[in-house]
Structures are given as structure tokens and as C-alpha cells.
N, C-alpha and C. Protein backbone atom coordinates (compact mmCIF):
# COMPACT_ATOMS: atom_id res chain seq x y z
N MET A 1 62.25 9.18 -16.15
CA MET A 1 61.23 9.23 -17.18
C MET A 1 60.16 8.17 -16.97
N LYS A 2 60.58 6.98 -16.56
CA LYS A 2 59.64 5.91 -16.35
C LYS A 2 58.64 6.28 -15.26
N ASN A 3 59.11 6.89 -14.19
CA ASN A 3 58.23 7.29 -13.09
C ASN A 3 57.22 8.34 -13.54
N LYS A 4 57.66 9.24 -14.38
CA LYS A 4 56.77 10.30 -14.86
C LYS A 4 55.60 9.69 -15.65
N GLY A 5 55.87 8.74 -16.52
CA GLY A 5 54.83 8.06 -17.30
C GLY A 5 53.89 7.28 -16.39
N LEU A 6 54.45 6.66 -15.36
CA LEU A 6 53.64 5.92 -14.41
C LEU A 6 52.70 6.86 -13.66
N TRP A 7 53.22 8.00 -13.26
CA TRP A 7 52.40 8.98 -12.54
C TRP A 7 51.29 9.54 -13.44
N ILE A 8 51.59 9.77 -14.69
CA ILE A 8 50.58 10.27 -15.62
C ILE A 8 49.48 9.21 -15.81
N ALA A 9 49.88 7.95 -16.01
CA ALA A 9 48.91 6.87 -16.17
C ALA A 9 48.06 6.71 -14.92
N LEU A 10 48.71 6.80 -13.75
CA LEU A 10 47.99 6.70 -12.49
C LEU A 10 47.01 7.87 -12.34
N GLY A 11 47.45 9.07 -12.72
CA GLY A 11 46.58 10.25 -12.66
C GLY A 11 45.35 10.10 -13.55
N VAL A 12 45.56 9.57 -14.76
CA VAL A 12 44.44 9.35 -15.69
C VAL A 12 43.47 8.33 -15.10
N ILE A 13 43.99 7.27 -14.53
CA ILE A 13 43.13 6.24 -13.92
C ILE A 13 42.32 6.82 -12.77
N VAL A 14 42.96 7.63 -11.95
CA VAL A 14 42.25 8.26 -10.82
C VAL A 14 41.14 9.17 -11.33
N VAL A 15 41.44 9.96 -12.37
CA VAL A 15 40.43 10.87 -12.94
C VAL A 15 39.26 10.06 -13.49
N ILE A 16 39.53 8.97 -14.18
CA ILE A 16 38.46 8.12 -14.74
C ILE A 16 37.62 7.52 -13.62
N ILE A 17 38.27 7.05 -12.57
CA ILE A 17 37.54 6.47 -11.44
C ILE A 17 36.67 7.53 -10.77
N LEU A 18 37.23 8.72 -10.55
CA LEU A 18 36.46 9.80 -9.92
C LEU A 18 35.27 10.20 -10.80
N TRP A 19 35.50 10.26 -12.11
CA TRP A 19 34.39 10.58 -13.01
C TRP A 19 33.32 9.49 -12.93
N GLY A 20 33.73 8.23 -12.94
CA GLY A 20 32.78 7.11 -12.87
C GLY A 20 31.94 7.15 -11.60
N VAL A 21 32.60 7.42 -10.48
CA VAL A 21 31.89 7.51 -9.20
C VAL A 21 30.91 8.68 -9.23
N SER A 22 31.35 9.81 -9.75
CA SER A 22 30.49 10.99 -9.84
C SER A 22 29.29 10.72 -10.75
N ALA A 23 29.53 10.11 -11.90
CA ALA A 23 28.45 9.80 -12.83
C ALA A 23 27.46 8.83 -12.20
N TYR A 24 27.97 7.80 -11.55
CA TYR A 24 27.12 6.81 -10.89
C TYR A 24 26.24 7.47 -9.83
N ASN A 25 26.87 8.28 -8.97
CA ASN A 25 26.12 8.95 -7.90
C ASN A 25 25.08 9.91 -8.47
N GLY A 26 25.40 10.58 -9.56
CA GLY A 26 24.43 11.48 -10.20
C GLY A 26 23.23 10.72 -10.72
N MET A 27 23.49 9.55 -11.32
CA MET A 27 22.39 8.74 -11.84
C MET A 27 21.52 8.20 -10.71
N VAL A 28 22.14 7.80 -9.63
CA VAL A 28 21.38 7.32 -8.47
C VAL A 28 20.47 8.43 -7.95
N SER A 29 21.01 9.64 -7.84
CA SER A 29 20.21 10.77 -7.35
C SER A 29 19.02 11.04 -8.26
N LYS A 30 19.25 11.05 -9.56
CA LYS A 30 18.17 11.33 -10.50
C LYS A 30 17.14 10.20 -10.52
N GLN A 31 17.60 8.96 -10.37
CA GLN A 31 16.69 7.83 -10.31
C GLN A 31 15.82 7.92 -9.05
N GLU A 32 16.43 8.28 -7.95
CA GLU A 32 15.67 8.41 -6.69
C GLU A 32 14.66 9.56 -6.78
N THR A 33 15.03 10.64 -7.43
CA THR A 33 14.10 11.75 -7.63
C THR A 33 12.88 11.27 -8.43
N ALA A 34 13.14 10.49 -9.47
CA ALA A 34 12.04 9.97 -10.30
C ALA A 34 11.17 8.99 -9.53
N THR A 35 11.77 8.10 -8.74
CA THR A 35 10.96 7.13 -8.01
C THR A 35 10.17 7.81 -6.88
N THR A 36 10.73 8.86 -6.31
CA THR A 36 9.99 9.63 -5.30
C THR A 36 8.81 10.33 -5.97
N ALA A 37 9.03 10.87 -7.15
CA ALA A 37 7.93 11.51 -7.89
C ALA A 37 6.83 10.50 -8.20
N LEU A 38 7.21 9.27 -8.53
CA LEU A 38 6.22 8.22 -8.77
C LEU A 38 5.42 7.93 -7.50
N ALA A 39 6.11 7.86 -6.38
CA ALA A 39 5.42 7.63 -5.10
C ALA A 39 4.46 8.77 -4.81
N ASN A 40 4.84 10.00 -5.17
CA ASN A 40 3.95 11.15 -4.96
C ASN A 40 2.71 11.05 -5.84
N VAL A 41 2.86 10.54 -7.06
CA VAL A 41 1.71 10.33 -7.94
C VAL A 41 0.76 9.33 -7.28
N GLN A 42 1.32 8.23 -6.80
CA GLN A 42 0.48 7.20 -6.17
C GLN A 42 -0.20 7.74 -4.90
N ALA A 43 0.51 8.55 -4.14
CA ALA A 43 -0.08 9.12 -2.92
C ALA A 43 -1.25 10.05 -3.27
N THR A 44 -1.11 10.77 -4.36
CA THR A 44 -2.18 11.67 -4.77
C THR A 44 -3.40 10.90 -5.25
N TYR A 45 -3.17 9.82 -5.99
CA TYR A 45 -4.29 8.96 -6.39
C TYR A 45 -4.94 8.34 -5.15
N GLN A 46 -4.14 7.97 -4.16
CA GLN A 46 -4.68 7.39 -2.93
C GLN A 46 -5.54 8.41 -2.20
N ARG A 47 -5.14 9.67 -2.23
CA ARG A 47 -5.93 10.74 -1.59
C ARG A 47 -7.32 10.78 -2.21
N ARG A 48 -7.36 10.68 -3.54
CA ARG A 48 -8.65 10.69 -4.22
C ARG A 48 -9.46 9.46 -3.80
N ALA A 49 -8.84 8.31 -3.77
CA ALA A 49 -9.55 7.09 -3.39
C ALA A 49 -10.07 7.19 -1.96
N ASP A 50 -9.34 7.85 -1.10
CA ASP A 50 -9.78 8.01 0.29
C ASP A 50 -10.96 8.98 0.41
N LEU A 51 -11.03 9.98 -0.48
CA LEU A 51 -12.13 10.94 -0.43
C LEU A 51 -13.44 10.36 -0.98
N LEU A 52 -13.33 9.41 -1.89
CA LEU A 52 -14.53 8.89 -2.55
C LEU A 52 -15.57 8.31 -1.61
N PRO A 53 -15.19 7.52 -0.60
CA PRO A 53 -16.24 6.99 0.28
C PRO A 53 -17.05 8.10 0.96
N ASN A 54 -16.37 9.18 1.35
CA ASN A 54 -17.08 10.29 1.99
C ASN A 54 -18.03 10.97 1.02
N LEU A 55 -17.56 11.21 -0.19
CA LEU A 55 -18.41 11.83 -1.20
C LEU A 55 -19.60 10.92 -1.51
N THR A 56 -19.32 9.64 -1.64
CA THR A 56 -20.39 8.68 -1.94
C THR A 56 -21.44 8.68 -0.84
N LYS A 57 -21.02 8.72 0.41
CA LYS A 57 -21.98 8.74 1.53
C LYS A 57 -22.88 9.97 1.48
N VAL A 58 -22.28 11.12 1.20
CA VAL A 58 -23.06 12.35 1.16
C VAL A 58 -24.07 12.29 0.02
N VAL A 59 -23.62 11.88 -1.16
CA VAL A 59 -24.53 11.81 -2.31
C VAL A 59 -25.59 10.74 -2.08
N LYS A 60 -25.19 9.61 -1.52
CA LYS A 60 -26.11 8.50 -1.27
C LYS A 60 -27.25 8.93 -0.36
N ALA A 61 -26.95 9.77 0.59
CA ALA A 61 -27.98 10.23 1.51
C ALA A 61 -29.10 10.97 0.77
N TYR A 62 -28.75 11.65 -0.30
CA TYR A 62 -29.74 12.40 -1.06
C TYR A 62 -30.33 11.58 -2.21
N ALA A 63 -29.56 10.69 -2.77
CA ALA A 63 -29.97 9.99 -3.98
C ALA A 63 -30.03 8.49 -3.74
N LYS A 64 -30.95 8.07 -2.94
CA LYS A 64 -31.01 6.68 -2.52
C LYS A 64 -31.25 5.70 -3.67
N HIS A 65 -31.88 6.11 -4.74
CA HIS A 65 -32.22 5.18 -5.82
C HIS A 65 -31.15 5.13 -6.92
N GLU A 66 -30.01 5.75 -6.74
CA GLU A 66 -28.94 5.77 -7.74
C GLU A 66 -27.91 4.67 -7.46
N ASN A 67 -28.39 3.50 -7.08
CA ASN A 67 -27.49 2.42 -6.66
C ASN A 67 -26.48 1.98 -7.72
N GLU A 68 -26.86 1.98 -8.98
CA GLU A 68 -25.94 1.54 -10.03
C GLU A 68 -24.71 2.44 -10.09
N THR A 69 -24.91 3.73 -9.96
CA THR A 69 -23.79 4.67 -9.98
C THR A 69 -22.88 4.42 -8.78
N PHE A 70 -23.46 4.21 -7.61
CA PHE A 70 -22.65 3.96 -6.42
C PHE A 70 -21.86 2.67 -6.55
N LYS A 71 -22.51 1.66 -7.16
CA LYS A 71 -21.83 0.38 -7.38
C LYS A 71 -20.63 0.58 -8.31
N GLU A 72 -20.82 1.34 -9.38
CA GLU A 72 -19.72 1.61 -10.32
C GLU A 72 -18.56 2.32 -9.64
N VAL A 73 -18.87 3.29 -8.79
CA VAL A 73 -17.82 4.02 -8.07
C VAL A 73 -17.05 3.06 -7.16
N ALA A 74 -17.77 2.24 -6.43
CA ALA A 74 -17.12 1.30 -5.51
C ALA A 74 -16.24 0.30 -6.27
N GLU A 75 -16.75 -0.23 -7.38
CA GLU A 75 -15.98 -1.19 -8.17
C GLU A 75 -14.74 -0.54 -8.77
N ALA A 76 -14.91 0.66 -9.32
CA ALA A 76 -13.77 1.36 -9.93
C ALA A 76 -12.72 1.71 -8.88
N ARG A 77 -13.17 2.12 -7.71
CA ARG A 77 -12.22 2.44 -6.63
C ARG A 77 -11.45 1.20 -6.22
N SER A 78 -12.16 0.08 -6.10
CA SER A 78 -11.52 -1.17 -5.71
C SER A 78 -10.49 -1.60 -6.75
N LYS A 79 -10.86 -1.53 -8.01
CA LYS A 79 -9.94 -1.93 -9.09
C LYS A 79 -8.71 -1.01 -9.12
N ALA A 80 -8.95 0.29 -8.99
CA ALA A 80 -7.84 1.25 -9.04
C ALA A 80 -6.89 1.06 -7.87
N SER A 81 -7.41 0.70 -6.72
CA SER A 81 -6.54 0.56 -5.55
C SER A 81 -5.76 -0.76 -5.57
N GLN A 82 -6.16 -1.70 -6.42
CA GLN A 82 -5.46 -2.98 -6.51
C GLN A 82 -4.22 -2.92 -7.38
N ILE A 83 -4.17 -1.97 -8.30
CA ILE A 83 -3.03 -1.87 -9.21
C ILE A 83 -1.99 -0.94 -8.59
N LYS A 84 -0.83 -1.50 -8.32
CA LYS A 84 0.27 -0.74 -7.72
C LYS A 84 1.41 -0.65 -8.72
N LEU A 85 2.08 0.46 -8.71
CA LEU A 85 3.25 0.63 -9.57
C LEU A 85 4.50 0.43 -8.74
N ASP A 86 5.43 -0.34 -9.26
CA ASP A 86 6.70 -0.60 -8.60
C ASP A 86 7.80 0.04 -9.43
N ALA A 87 8.51 1.00 -8.86
CA ALA A 87 9.54 1.71 -9.60
C ALA A 87 10.63 0.78 -10.10
N GLY A 88 10.85 -0.33 -9.44
CA GLY A 88 11.86 -1.28 -9.86
C GLY A 88 11.45 -2.12 -11.06
N ASP A 89 10.16 -2.16 -11.35
CA ASP A 89 9.64 -2.97 -12.45
C ASP A 89 8.56 -2.18 -13.17
N LEU A 90 8.91 -1.01 -13.65
CA LEU A 90 7.97 -0.09 -14.26
C LEU A 90 8.06 -0.17 -15.78
N THR A 91 6.99 -0.62 -16.40
CA THR A 91 6.96 -0.73 -17.85
C THR A 91 5.83 0.15 -18.38
N PRO A 92 5.91 0.52 -19.66
CA PRO A 92 4.80 1.29 -20.24
C PRO A 92 3.47 0.55 -20.11
N GLU A 93 3.49 -0.77 -20.20
CA GLU A 93 2.26 -1.56 -20.08
C GLU A 93 1.66 -1.43 -18.67
N LYS A 94 2.49 -1.48 -17.65
CA LYS A 94 1.99 -1.36 -16.28
C LYS A 94 1.45 0.05 -16.02
N ILE A 95 2.12 1.05 -16.56
CA ILE A 95 1.61 2.42 -16.42
C ILE A 95 0.27 2.54 -17.14
N ARG A 96 0.15 1.93 -18.33
CA ARG A 96 -1.10 1.97 -19.08
C ARG A 96 -2.22 1.31 -18.28
N GLN A 97 -1.96 0.16 -17.67
CA GLN A 97 -2.98 -0.52 -16.85
C GLN A 97 -3.39 0.35 -15.67
N PHE A 98 -2.40 0.96 -15.03
CA PHE A 98 -2.68 1.85 -13.89
C PHE A 98 -3.56 3.01 -14.34
N GLN A 99 -3.19 3.62 -15.47
CA GLN A 99 -3.95 4.76 -15.97
C GLN A 99 -5.37 4.36 -16.38
N GLU A 100 -5.53 3.18 -16.97
CA GLU A 100 -6.86 2.72 -17.34
C GLU A 100 -7.74 2.56 -16.11
N ALA A 101 -7.20 1.96 -15.06
CA ALA A 101 -7.97 1.78 -13.83
C ALA A 101 -8.33 3.14 -13.22
N GLN A 102 -7.38 4.06 -13.24
CA GLN A 102 -7.65 5.40 -12.71
C GLN A 102 -8.66 6.13 -13.60
N GLY A 103 -8.60 5.86 -14.91
CA GLY A 103 -9.57 6.47 -15.83
C GLY A 103 -10.99 5.99 -15.57
N GLU A 104 -11.12 4.69 -15.27
CA GLU A 104 -12.43 4.15 -14.93
C GLU A 104 -12.95 4.80 -13.66
N LEU A 105 -12.06 5.02 -12.71
CA LEU A 105 -12.45 5.69 -11.47
C LEU A 105 -12.88 7.12 -11.76
N SER A 106 -12.15 7.81 -12.61
CA SER A 106 -12.52 9.18 -12.99
C SER A 106 -13.89 9.22 -13.65
N ALA A 107 -14.16 8.26 -14.54
CA ALA A 107 -15.46 8.21 -15.21
C ALA A 107 -16.59 7.95 -14.21
N ALA A 108 -16.35 7.03 -13.28
CA ALA A 108 -17.37 6.74 -12.26
C ALA A 108 -17.59 7.96 -11.38
N LEU A 109 -16.53 8.65 -11.07
CA LEU A 109 -16.63 9.87 -10.26
C LEU A 109 -17.41 10.93 -11.03
N GLY A 110 -17.18 11.02 -12.33
CA GLY A 110 -17.93 11.97 -13.16
C GLY A 110 -19.42 11.67 -13.13
N LYS A 111 -19.76 10.38 -13.20
CA LYS A 111 -21.18 10.00 -13.12
C LYS A 111 -21.76 10.36 -11.76
N LEU A 112 -20.97 10.16 -10.71
CA LEU A 112 -21.43 10.50 -9.36
C LEU A 112 -21.70 11.99 -9.26
N MET A 113 -20.82 12.79 -9.85
CA MET A 113 -21.01 14.23 -9.81
C MET A 113 -22.24 14.62 -10.64
N ALA A 114 -22.48 13.91 -11.75
CA ALA A 114 -23.66 14.19 -12.57
C ALA A 114 -24.95 13.88 -11.81
N VAL A 115 -24.91 12.85 -10.98
CA VAL A 115 -26.08 12.53 -10.17
C VAL A 115 -26.46 13.72 -9.29
N SER A 116 -25.45 14.41 -8.82
CA SER A 116 -25.71 15.54 -7.92
C SER A 116 -26.51 16.64 -8.61
N GLU A 117 -26.42 16.71 -9.94
CA GLU A 117 -27.17 17.74 -10.67
C GLU A 117 -28.68 17.56 -10.49
N ASN A 118 -29.11 16.32 -10.25
CA ASN A 118 -30.54 16.04 -10.10
C ASN A 118 -31.07 16.36 -8.70
N TYR A 119 -30.21 16.76 -7.80
CA TYR A 119 -30.61 16.97 -6.41
C TYR A 119 -30.15 18.35 -5.94
N PRO A 120 -30.99 19.37 -6.15
CA PRO A 120 -30.60 20.74 -5.78
C PRO A 120 -30.22 20.88 -4.31
N GLN A 121 -30.92 20.15 -3.43
CA GLN A 121 -30.59 20.26 -2.01
C GLN A 121 -29.21 19.69 -1.71
N LEU A 122 -28.77 18.71 -2.52
CA LEU A 122 -27.43 18.15 -2.35
C LEU A 122 -26.39 19.18 -2.76
N LYS A 123 -26.64 19.84 -3.87
CA LYS A 123 -25.68 20.85 -4.36
C LYS A 123 -25.51 21.97 -3.34
N ALA A 124 -26.55 22.23 -2.56
CA ALA A 124 -26.48 23.28 -1.55
C ALA A 124 -25.83 22.80 -0.26
N SER A 125 -25.65 21.50 -0.12
CA SER A 125 -25.08 20.94 1.10
C SER A 125 -23.62 21.36 1.25
N GLU A 126 -23.31 21.87 2.42
CA GLU A 126 -21.93 22.32 2.69
C GLU A 126 -20.95 21.15 2.62
N ASN A 127 -21.35 19.98 3.12
CA ASN A 127 -20.48 18.80 3.06
C ASN A 127 -20.17 18.43 1.61
N PHE A 128 -21.19 18.45 0.77
CA PHE A 128 -20.99 18.11 -0.63
C PHE A 128 -20.06 19.11 -1.30
N GLN A 129 -20.29 20.38 -1.04
CA GLN A 129 -19.44 21.41 -1.65
C GLN A 129 -17.99 21.27 -1.19
N ASP A 130 -17.79 20.98 0.09
CA ASP A 130 -16.42 20.79 0.59
C ASP A 130 -15.75 19.59 -0.08
N LEU A 131 -16.48 18.48 -0.19
CA LEU A 131 -15.92 17.30 -0.83
C LEU A 131 -15.65 17.54 -2.31
N GLN A 132 -16.54 18.25 -2.97
CA GLN A 132 -16.35 18.56 -4.38
C GLN A 132 -15.10 19.42 -4.57
N THR A 133 -14.89 20.38 -3.69
CA THR A 133 -13.70 21.23 -3.74
C THR A 133 -12.45 20.39 -3.49
N GLN A 134 -12.53 19.47 -2.53
CA GLN A 134 -11.39 18.59 -2.24
C GLN A 134 -11.05 17.72 -3.46
N LEU A 135 -12.07 17.18 -4.10
CA LEU A 135 -11.83 16.33 -5.27
C LEU A 135 -11.26 17.13 -6.44
N GLU A 136 -11.77 18.32 -6.63
CA GLU A 136 -11.24 19.17 -7.70
C GLU A 136 -9.77 19.48 -7.44
N GLY A 137 -9.45 19.80 -6.20
CA GLY A 137 -8.05 20.05 -5.83
C GLY A 137 -7.20 18.81 -6.01
N THR A 138 -7.75 17.66 -5.69
CA THR A 138 -7.02 16.40 -5.83
C THR A 138 -6.74 16.10 -7.30
N GLU A 139 -7.71 16.33 -8.15
CA GLU A 139 -7.49 16.11 -9.59
C GLU A 139 -6.37 17.01 -10.09
N ASN A 140 -6.33 18.25 -9.61
CA ASN A 140 -5.24 19.15 -9.99
C ASN A 140 -3.91 18.64 -9.46
N ARG A 141 -3.91 18.12 -8.25
CA ARG A 141 -2.69 17.57 -7.67
C ARG A 141 -2.20 16.35 -8.45
N ILE A 142 -3.14 15.51 -8.89
CA ILE A 142 -2.77 14.34 -9.67
C ILE A 142 -2.08 14.78 -10.95
N ASN A 143 -2.66 15.74 -11.63
CA ASN A 143 -2.06 16.23 -12.87
C ASN A 143 -0.67 16.80 -12.61
N GLU A 144 -0.54 17.59 -11.57
CA GLU A 144 0.77 18.19 -11.23
C GLU A 144 1.78 17.11 -10.86
N ALA A 145 1.36 16.11 -10.09
CA ALA A 145 2.27 15.03 -9.69
C ALA A 145 2.74 14.24 -10.90
N ARG A 146 1.83 13.98 -11.85
CA ARG A 146 2.23 13.26 -13.06
C ARG A 146 3.23 14.08 -13.87
N GLN A 147 3.00 15.38 -13.96
CA GLN A 147 3.93 16.24 -14.70
C GLN A 147 5.30 16.26 -14.04
N GLN A 148 5.33 16.36 -12.71
CA GLN A 148 6.61 16.35 -12.01
C GLN A 148 7.33 15.02 -12.18
N TYR A 149 6.59 13.94 -12.15
CA TYR A 149 7.18 12.62 -12.39
C TYR A 149 7.78 12.55 -13.79
N ASN A 150 7.02 12.96 -14.79
CA ASN A 150 7.52 12.92 -16.17
C ASN A 150 8.77 13.78 -16.33
N GLU A 151 8.81 14.94 -15.68
CA GLU A 151 10.00 15.79 -15.76
C GLU A 151 11.20 15.12 -15.10
N ALA A 152 10.98 14.48 -13.96
CA ALA A 152 12.08 13.79 -13.26
C ALA A 152 12.57 12.61 -14.10
N VAL A 153 11.65 11.88 -14.73
CA VAL A 153 12.04 10.76 -15.59
C VAL A 153 12.80 11.26 -16.81
N GLN A 154 12.35 12.37 -17.37
CA GLN A 154 13.05 12.92 -18.53
C GLN A 154 14.48 13.30 -18.15
N ASP A 155 14.65 13.95 -17.02
CA ASP A 155 15.99 14.34 -16.56
C ASP A 155 16.87 13.10 -16.36
N TYR A 156 16.31 12.07 -15.73
CA TYR A 156 17.04 10.82 -15.50
C TYR A 156 17.38 10.14 -16.82
N ASP A 157 16.38 9.99 -17.70
CA ASP A 157 16.60 9.31 -18.98
C ASP A 157 17.65 10.02 -19.83
N VAL A 158 17.60 11.34 -19.86
CA VAL A 158 18.59 12.10 -20.63
C VAL A 158 19.99 11.87 -20.03
N THR A 159 20.07 11.88 -18.73
CA THR A 159 21.37 11.70 -18.07
C THR A 159 21.98 10.34 -18.42
N ILE A 160 21.18 9.28 -18.35
CA ILE A 160 21.76 7.94 -18.59
C ILE A 160 22.01 7.66 -20.06
N ARG A 161 21.44 8.44 -20.94
CA ARG A 161 21.61 8.19 -22.37
C ARG A 161 22.71 9.04 -23.00
N ARG A 162 23.19 10.06 -22.29
CA ARG A 162 24.24 10.92 -22.84
C ARG A 162 25.61 10.28 -22.68
N MET A 163 26.46 10.57 -23.63
CA MET A 163 27.86 10.13 -23.53
C MET A 163 28.56 11.03 -22.54
N PRO A 164 29.43 10.61 -21.76
CA PRO A 164 29.92 9.26 -21.55
C PRO A 164 29.15 8.51 -20.46
N ASN A 165 28.10 9.14 -19.91
CA ASN A 165 27.32 8.49 -18.84
C ASN A 165 26.72 7.16 -19.28
N VAL A 166 26.41 7.04 -20.56
CA VAL A 166 25.80 5.81 -21.06
C VAL A 166 26.69 4.60 -20.77
N LEU A 167 28.00 4.81 -20.72
CA LEU A 167 28.91 3.70 -20.41
C LEU A 167 28.72 3.22 -18.97
N VAL A 168 28.64 4.17 -18.05
CA VAL A 168 28.43 3.82 -16.63
C VAL A 168 27.02 3.25 -16.45
N ALA A 169 26.04 3.86 -17.11
CA ALA A 169 24.65 3.39 -16.99
C ALA A 169 24.54 1.95 -17.45
N GLY A 170 25.19 1.62 -18.54
CA GLY A 170 25.15 0.25 -19.05
C GLY A 170 25.81 -0.74 -18.12
N MET A 171 26.94 -0.34 -17.53
CA MET A 171 27.67 -1.24 -16.62
C MET A 171 26.88 -1.54 -15.36
N PHE A 172 26.12 -0.54 -14.87
CA PHE A 172 25.44 -0.70 -13.58
C PHE A 172 23.93 -0.88 -13.69
N GLY A 173 23.44 -1.08 -14.90
CA GLY A 173 22.03 -1.43 -15.07
C GLY A 173 21.04 -0.29 -14.90
N PHE A 174 21.43 0.93 -15.19
CA PHE A 174 20.48 2.04 -15.15
C PHE A 174 19.68 2.01 -16.46
N ASP A 175 18.42 1.65 -16.37
CA ASP A 175 17.56 1.54 -17.55
C ASP A 175 16.64 2.75 -17.65
N LYS A 176 16.17 2.99 -18.87
CA LYS A 176 15.19 4.05 -19.09
C LYS A 176 13.94 3.77 -18.28
N MET A 177 13.30 4.83 -17.80
CA MET A 177 12.05 4.69 -17.05
C MET A 177 10.89 5.12 -17.94
N ALA A 178 9.71 4.56 -17.69
CA ALA A 178 8.51 4.88 -18.47
C ALA A 178 7.85 6.14 -17.91
N LYS A 179 7.20 6.88 -18.79
CA LYS A 179 6.49 8.10 -18.41
C LYS A 179 4.98 7.86 -18.45
N PHE A 180 4.26 8.73 -17.75
CA PHE A 180 2.80 8.73 -17.87
C PHE A 180 2.46 9.42 -19.18
N GLU A 181 1.53 8.84 -19.91
CA GLU A 181 1.05 9.44 -21.15
C GLU A 181 -0.46 9.55 -21.05
N ALA A 182 -1.02 10.32 -21.94
CA ALA A 182 -2.47 10.47 -21.96
C ALA A 182 -3.09 9.10 -22.27
N ALA A 183 -4.16 8.79 -21.58
CA ALA A 183 -4.86 7.53 -21.82
C ALA A 183 -5.53 7.58 -23.19
N SER A 184 -5.67 6.43 -23.82
CA SER A 184 -6.32 6.41 -25.12
C SER A 184 -7.75 6.92 -24.95
N GLY A 185 -8.15 7.78 -25.85
CA GLY A 185 -9.48 8.37 -25.77
C GLY A 185 -9.54 9.60 -24.89
N ALA A 186 -8.42 10.02 -24.34
CA ALA A 186 -8.42 11.18 -23.44
C ALA A 186 -8.77 12.47 -24.17
N GLU A 187 -8.61 12.46 -25.49
CA GLU A 187 -8.92 13.67 -26.25
C GLU A 187 -10.42 13.90 -26.36
N LYS A 188 -11.23 12.89 -26.02
CA LYS A 188 -12.68 12.99 -26.07
C LYS A 188 -13.22 13.33 -24.69
N ALA A 189 -14.21 14.16 -24.65
CA ALA A 189 -14.86 14.49 -23.38
C ALA A 189 -15.58 13.25 -22.86
N PRO A 190 -15.53 12.99 -21.55
CA PRO A 190 -16.22 11.80 -21.02
C PRO A 190 -17.74 11.92 -21.15
N ASP A 191 -18.39 10.80 -21.35
CA ASP A 191 -19.84 10.76 -21.44
C ASP A 191 -20.39 10.59 -20.03
N LEU A 192 -21.04 11.62 -19.53
CA LEU A 192 -21.55 11.57 -18.17
C LEU A 192 -23.07 11.37 -18.15
N ASP A 193 -23.61 10.95 -19.26
CA ASP A 193 -25.04 10.73 -19.36
C ASP A 193 -25.41 9.51 -18.51
N ILE A 194 -26.23 9.73 -17.49
CA ILE A 194 -26.64 8.63 -16.61
C ILE A 194 -28.11 8.34 -16.74
């Protein structure tokens, strides 16, 4: 009888250990999916930042006296590229700062595109049209990447907060991750009056 009780206790311990290992590995997988999604968001923003110098050069060739707009684009691009997100130290405040810098870049880009309205020959330029199409596609990619990141974070956050996973998450330091949210004022159309 004593051996039977020992075997049952040992079996329960093994099951608990196997569950703990499985829960831990599941959380690691979901966390890695979320951090990869964050890296994809940053890569998409970088794509936009890389396209801007080319767009600026094409527009500048036609609109030589629009220096203030070009200066704003350059400054916004510089500021946006200086703010990096670290998945290991991701807070809502850092995401907000990142989004604000990207929002400034979007506004400057909007002004740059508005400048093109004053130059019909620029709008007809094949280079300008190609760059405009690339930027439009990039903006769509940014939105999609943010949505995928938020979905991956939601999946991860739900996993670590559910019982009994919350016990393993607490023991091994799996913390909630922050999501991208709409920037303040995003409900208003940007003012592109130059």
C-alpha cells in the first residue's frame, strides 16, 4: 500500500512538472511571436524612412523654394529614426513616444505630398508616381504590421493571465506587453495646409 501511494504522488508530481514545462514553453513561443511582430512593425517604419529621401529628392527637383517643408521632413525622419523600441523594456509610454515621432513624420510626409499638388509636372513624373505608390503601400504595411503585433500581444497576454498559466508566468517573470494604440488626435484629419 505504501508503494502505491508513493507512485501516485510521484505520478502527480511528474504531471505537474510536465504541465509547467509545457506552459512555460507555450508562453515563450507566444512572447517570441509578439516580439517578432514588433520587429516587423519597426522594419516597416524603417522602409518608410528609407523611401523618404528618394521622394524628397524628386519633389525637391520640382519645388526648389519649398525648403521649410523639406526641412520638416528631414527633422521628423531624424527624430523618428532615433526612437527605438526594445521588446525587453516595452512600456505604454515608450510606444506612445514612438507613435508620436512616427506621427510627426506622417504629418511632414503629408505636407510633402501637398506640395506636389502645386506642381502638375511633378504629379506626371513617373518617379514621383512610383514613390507615391511605394509610400501608400508602406503605410498599409505599417497598419497591417501594427495589427498583427497587437493580435500577437493579445494572444500572449491572454495566455499569461489565464489560470493556471498565471502561476508559471508569475514565477518566471512573464509580464504583460503593451499594444499600439491610436495616437491622440488621430480621430481628426491632419491639417495639410502649407
